Amino acid sequence: MIILLTLITNAKAQTAHTLSADLLEESRFTFNKKLIKREQYNLQQLPCSQYLFRQSDKCEVDIEGLIFVMDNNTITGIKGIDLSAESLKQINDRLGILDRLQWAYSEASNNEFRSGQRNNHDIVFNDRKFFSTLRAIKSTARDIRKIYGSALSSAEKSEAIAKLRFANVDWQFYRRITEVENKQILASD
């Protein structure tokens, strides 16, 4: 009996939780809808800025029906799809950039609400960029599904992943994000 309980406990501890781009989108959309209707809000109701693909725990991320398996801040696979190492690297790089951007836009919008001098123009700009980046993540997932649903060879699929059109990214903003992250890492050492 003790062995069975131990096995059940260990299985529950290893169960992966699921994240979704749709949940992030819905959270921000609902909050903005309340603002438009001039409903009361407080800062505790701000949508949480959350990474999809930078998860230290094992989890699954559902994007457009594709289940990305995460472990230690890395996409380790996609359920039902046999990925080459090169394709997995390309997918990690591409979605990692988009994930950093969606988080940063969400956080910038939230910070504007938290500041004493709320600038609605900046909030609208950051929210639009946030939603645009989530759409790019979803579009990338649809492209991956399309490539791996085709009759291409494994090498052709890897090449098609590498040639995917990259979303319209504000590279200057992205550089600032990485500089801030690097400074935080250096400060914590």
Protein backbone atom coordinates (compact mmCIF):
# COMPACT_ATOMS: atom_id res chain seq x y z
CA MET A 1 0.00 0.00 0.00
CA ILE A 2 2.82 2.44 0.87
CA ILE A 3 4.53 1.72 -2.45
CA LEU A 4 1.31 2.43 -4.35
CA LEU A 5 0.79 5.74 -2.51
CA THR A 6 4.40 6.72 -3.24
CA LEU A 7 3.94 5.97 -6.94
CA ILE A 8 0.71 7.99 -7.07
CA THR A 9 2.35 10.93 -5.26
CA ASN A 10 5.35 10.87 -7.63
CA ALA A 11 3.05 10.71 -10.67
CA LYS A 12 1.10 13.75 -9.45
CA ALA A 13 4.33 15.68 -8.86
CA GLN A 14 5.39 15.02 -12.46
CA THR A 15 2.06 16.01 -14.00
CA ALA A 16 2.57 18.88 -16.40
CA HIS A 17 0.33 21.92 -16.22
CA THR A 18 -0.96 23.44 -19.45
CA LEU A 19 -0.58 27.04 -20.61
CA SER A 20 -2.30 28.63 -23.57
CA ALA A 21 -1.88 31.74 -25.71
CA ASP A 22 -5.67 31.97 -25.81
CA LEU A 23 -5.81 32.32 -22.01
CA LEU A 24 -3.29 35.18 -22.05
CA GLU A 25 -5.18 36.88 -24.85
CA GLU A 26 -8.55 36.43 -23.15
CA SER A 27 -7.25 37.79 -19.86
CA ARG A 28 -5.99 41.04 -21.39
CA PHE A 29 -9.04 41.35 -23.65
CA THR A 30 -11.44 40.99 -20.70
CA PHE A 31 -9.52 43.55 -18.66
CA ASN A 32 -9.56 46.04 -21.55
CA LYS A 33 -13.27 45.44 -22.10
CA LYS A 34 -13.91 46.44 -18.47
CA LEU A 35 -11.92 49.63 -19.01
CA ILE A 36 -13.90 50.50 -22.12
CA LYS A 37 -17.16 49.99 -20.20
CA ARG A 38 -15.69 52.24 -17.50
CA GLU A 39 -16.05 49.55 -14.88
CA GLN A 40 -14.03 49.92 -11.72
CA TYR A 41 -10.72 48.09 -11.53
CA ASN A 42 -7.81 47.86 -9.17
CA LEU A 43 -4.19 47.03 -9.79
CA GLN A 44 -4.66 43.48 -8.51
CA GLN A 45 -6.94 42.83 -11.50
CA LEU A 46 -4.22 43.60 -14.06
CA PRO A 47 -3.65 40.66 -16.41
CA CYS A 48 -0.58 38.75 -15.32
CA SER A 49 2.42 39.01 -17.64
CA GLN A 50 3.40 35.43 -18.25
CA TYR A 51 5.88 33.67 -20.46
CA LEU A 52 4.54 30.79 -22.49
CA PHE A 53 7.81 29.11 -23.41
CA ARG A 54 10.13 30.15 -20.58
CA GLN A 55 8.97 27.70 -17.95
CA SER A 56 11.42 26.09 -15.55
CA ASP A 57 8.91 23.38 -14.63
CA LYS A 58 7.71 20.69 -16.95
CA CYS A 59 4.56 21.89 -18.62
CA GLU A 60 2.63 21.86 -21.85
CA VAL A 61 1.73 24.88 -23.93
CA ASP A 62 -1.30 24.67 -26.22
CA ILE A 63 -0.99 26.91 -29.26
CA GLU A 64 -3.55 26.41 -32.01
CA GLY A 65 -4.00 22.76 -31.04
CA LEU A 66 -0.28 21.97 -31.04
CA ILE A 67 0.94 20.84 -27.64
CA PHE A 68 4.49 22.08 -27.03
CA VAL A 69 6.26 20.15 -24.28
CA MET A 70 8.41 22.39 -22.10
CA ASP A 71 11.18 21.60 -19.66
CA ASN A 72 13.81 23.89 -18.19
CA ASN A 73 12.89 26.93 -20.37
CA THR A 74 13.15 24.88 -23.57
CA ILE A 75 10.70 23.33 -25.97
CA THR A 76 11.65 19.65 -25.83
CA GLY A 77 9.08 18.50 -28.37
CA ILE A 78 5.63 18.80 -29.86
CA LYS A 79 3.17 16.02 -29.10
CA GLY A 80 2.50 13.89 -32.16
CA ILE A 81 5.32 15.41 -34.23
CA ASP A 82 8.76 13.89 -34.71
CA LEU A 83 11.13 16.87 -34.86
CA SER A 84 14.77 16.87 -35.89
CA ALA A 85 17.23 18.55 -33.53
CA GLU A 86 17.71 21.41 -36.03
CA SER A 87 13.96 21.99 -36.37
CA LEU A 88 13.57 21.98 -32.60
CA LYS A 89 16.35 24.56 -32.30
CA GLN A 90 14.74 26.78 -34.95
CA ILE A 91 11.34 26.53 -33.27
CA ASN A 92 12.86 27.32 -29.85
CA ASP A 93 14.68 30.36 -31.22
CA ARG A 94 11.70 31.74 -33.13
CA LEU A 95 9.06 31.19 -30.45
CA GLY A 96 11.49 32.25 -27.71
CA ILE A 97 11.89 35.68 -29.30
CA LEU A 98 8.15 36.10 -29.74
CA ASP A 99 7.52 34.93 -26.18
CA ARG A 100 9.95 37.49 -24.74
CA LEU A 101 8.23 40.20 -26.76
CA GLN A 102 4.67 39.31 -25.73
CA TRP A 103 5.77 39.25 -22.08
CA ALA A 104 7.58 42.59 -22.38
CA TYR A 105 4.62 44.32 -24.06
CA SER A 106 2.26 42.97 -21.42
CA GLU A 107 4.59 44.07 -18.65
CA ALA A 108 5.07 47.53 -20.22
CA SER A 109 1.30 47.99 -20.33
CA ASN A 110 0.94 46.85 -16.72
CA ASN A 111 3.77 49.13 -15.60
CA GLU A 112 2.01 52.06 -17.22
CA PHE A 113 -1.11 51.27 -15.16
CA ARG A 114 1.01 51.00 -12.00
CA SER A 115 2.73 54.32 -12.61
CA GLY A 116 1.10 57.33 -11.08
CA GLN A 117 0.91 59.07 -14.46
CA ARG A 118 -0.95 56.63 -16.69
CA ASN A 119 -0.41 57.29 -20.42
CA ASN A 120 -3.33 55.77 -22.34
CA HIS A 121 -1.51 56.10 -25.67
CA ASP A 122 1.38 53.96 -24.41
CA ILE A 123 -1.02 51.41 -22.94
CA VAL A 124 -2.92 51.08 -26.24
CA PHE A 125 0.35 50.82 -28.18
CA ASN A 126 1.74 48.11 -25.90
CA ASP A 127 -1.54 46.19 -25.88
CA ARG A 128 -1.70 46.23 -29.68
CA LYS A 129 1.88 44.95 -29.85
CA PHE A 130 1.04 42.28 -27.27
CA PHE A 131 -1.95 41.02 -29.29
CA SER A 132 0.05 41.22 -32.52
CA THR A 133 2.84 39.13 -31.02
CA LEU A 134 0.37 36.51 -29.78
CA ARG A 135 -1.07 36.34 -33.30
CA ALA A 136 2.47 35.79 -34.63
CA ILE A 137 2.96 32.93 -32.15
CA LYS A 138 -0.31 31.35 -33.28
CA SER A 139 0.57 31.84 -36.93
CA THR A 140 3.93 30.16 -36.39
CA ALA A 141 2.18 27.19 -34.74
CA ARG A 142 -0.21 26.89 -37.71
CA ASP A 143 2.77 26.99 -40.10
CA ILE A 144 4.52 24.24 -38.12
CA ARG A 145 1.37 22.08 -38.23
CA LYS A 146 1.07 22.66 -41.96
CA ILE A 147 4.72 21.72 -42.63
CA TYR A 148 4.60 18.58 -40.51
CA GLY A 149 1.23 17.58 -41.93
CA SER A 150 2.68 17.53 -45.44
CA ALA A 151 4.35 14.67 -47.27
CA LEU A 152 7.79 16.30 -47.19
CA SER A 153 10.85 14.32 -46.15
CA SER A 154 12.39 14.98 -42.74
CA ALA A 155 15.18 17.08 -44.28
CA GLU A 156 12.67 19.11 -46.33
CA LYS A 157 10.59 19.73 -43.21
CA SER A 158 13.66 21.00 -41.34
CA GLU A 159 14.48 23.27 -44.26
CA ALA A 160 10.89 24.54 -44.41
CA ILE A 161 10.99 25.38 -40.68
CA ALA A 162 14.24 27.31 -41.19
CA LYS A 163 12.67 29.26 -44.06
CA LEU A 164 9.48 30.22 -42.23
CA ARG A 165 8.65 33.88 -42.61
CA PHE A 166 9.56 35.66 -39.39
CA ALA A 167 7.01 37.90 -37.76
CA ASN A 168 7.41 41.65 -37.94
CA VAL A 169 9.57 42.15 -34.85
CA ASP A 170 10.71 45.45 -33.37
CA TRP A 171 14.36 44.40 -33.11
CA GLN A 172 15.36 47.60 -31.34
CA PHE A 173 12.82 46.90 -28.58
CA TYR A 174 14.00 43.28 -28.46
CA ARG A 175 17.62 44.40 -27.98
CA ARG A 176 16.56 46.58 -25.06
CA ILE A 177 14.76 43.61 -23.47
CA THR A 178 17.84 41.39 -23.74
CA GLU A 179 20.10 44.16 -22.39
CA VAL A 180 17.87 44.56 -19.33
CA GLU A 181 17.78 40.78 -18.81
CA ASN A 182 21.57 40.56 -19.10
CA LYS A 183 22.02 43.36 -16.55
CA GLN A 184 19.67 41.57 -14.16
CA ILE A 185 21.63 38.34 -14.56
CA LEU A 186 24.93 40.10 -13.92
CA ALA A 187 23.51 41.87 -10.87
CA SER A 188 22.28 38.60 -9.37
CA ASP A 189 25.70 36.91 -9.72
